[in-house]
Amino acid sequence: MFIRAVTYEVKPGRMEEAEQIYHTLTLHALKAQKGFEKGYAMINSKTGMAVTVAVWASKEDFDAFNATDAGKQMNEQVTPLLVNSPIVSEFDRLLQP
């Protein structure tokens, strides 16, 4: 198992655009990708902070997606919306209640 959490600070007035990218490009591309299990996005509209969490079967599956055109396009479209570079955290276990 491989879990990737990314924290973003979105530029003022750009959160709606970031949400659209998540819904259209990200979710469609990820759902079709081998090894993708679940994805979540949490947004604080007041602060401009967002966190995405993607659960993959393996790091290799994530790396394969990240190397695709869809993975590259996602990064290219999100980057201009950000105040600074995102903070990436990686995990190997998911605890559920």
Foldseek 3Di string as FASTA:
>chain_A
DKKKKKKFQFDPPCVVVLVVLCVPLVVVLQVPFAFWDDKDKDADNVRRMMMIMTGGNDVVSVVVSCPDPSNVVSCVSCVVRTPDDMDMDMDDDDDDD
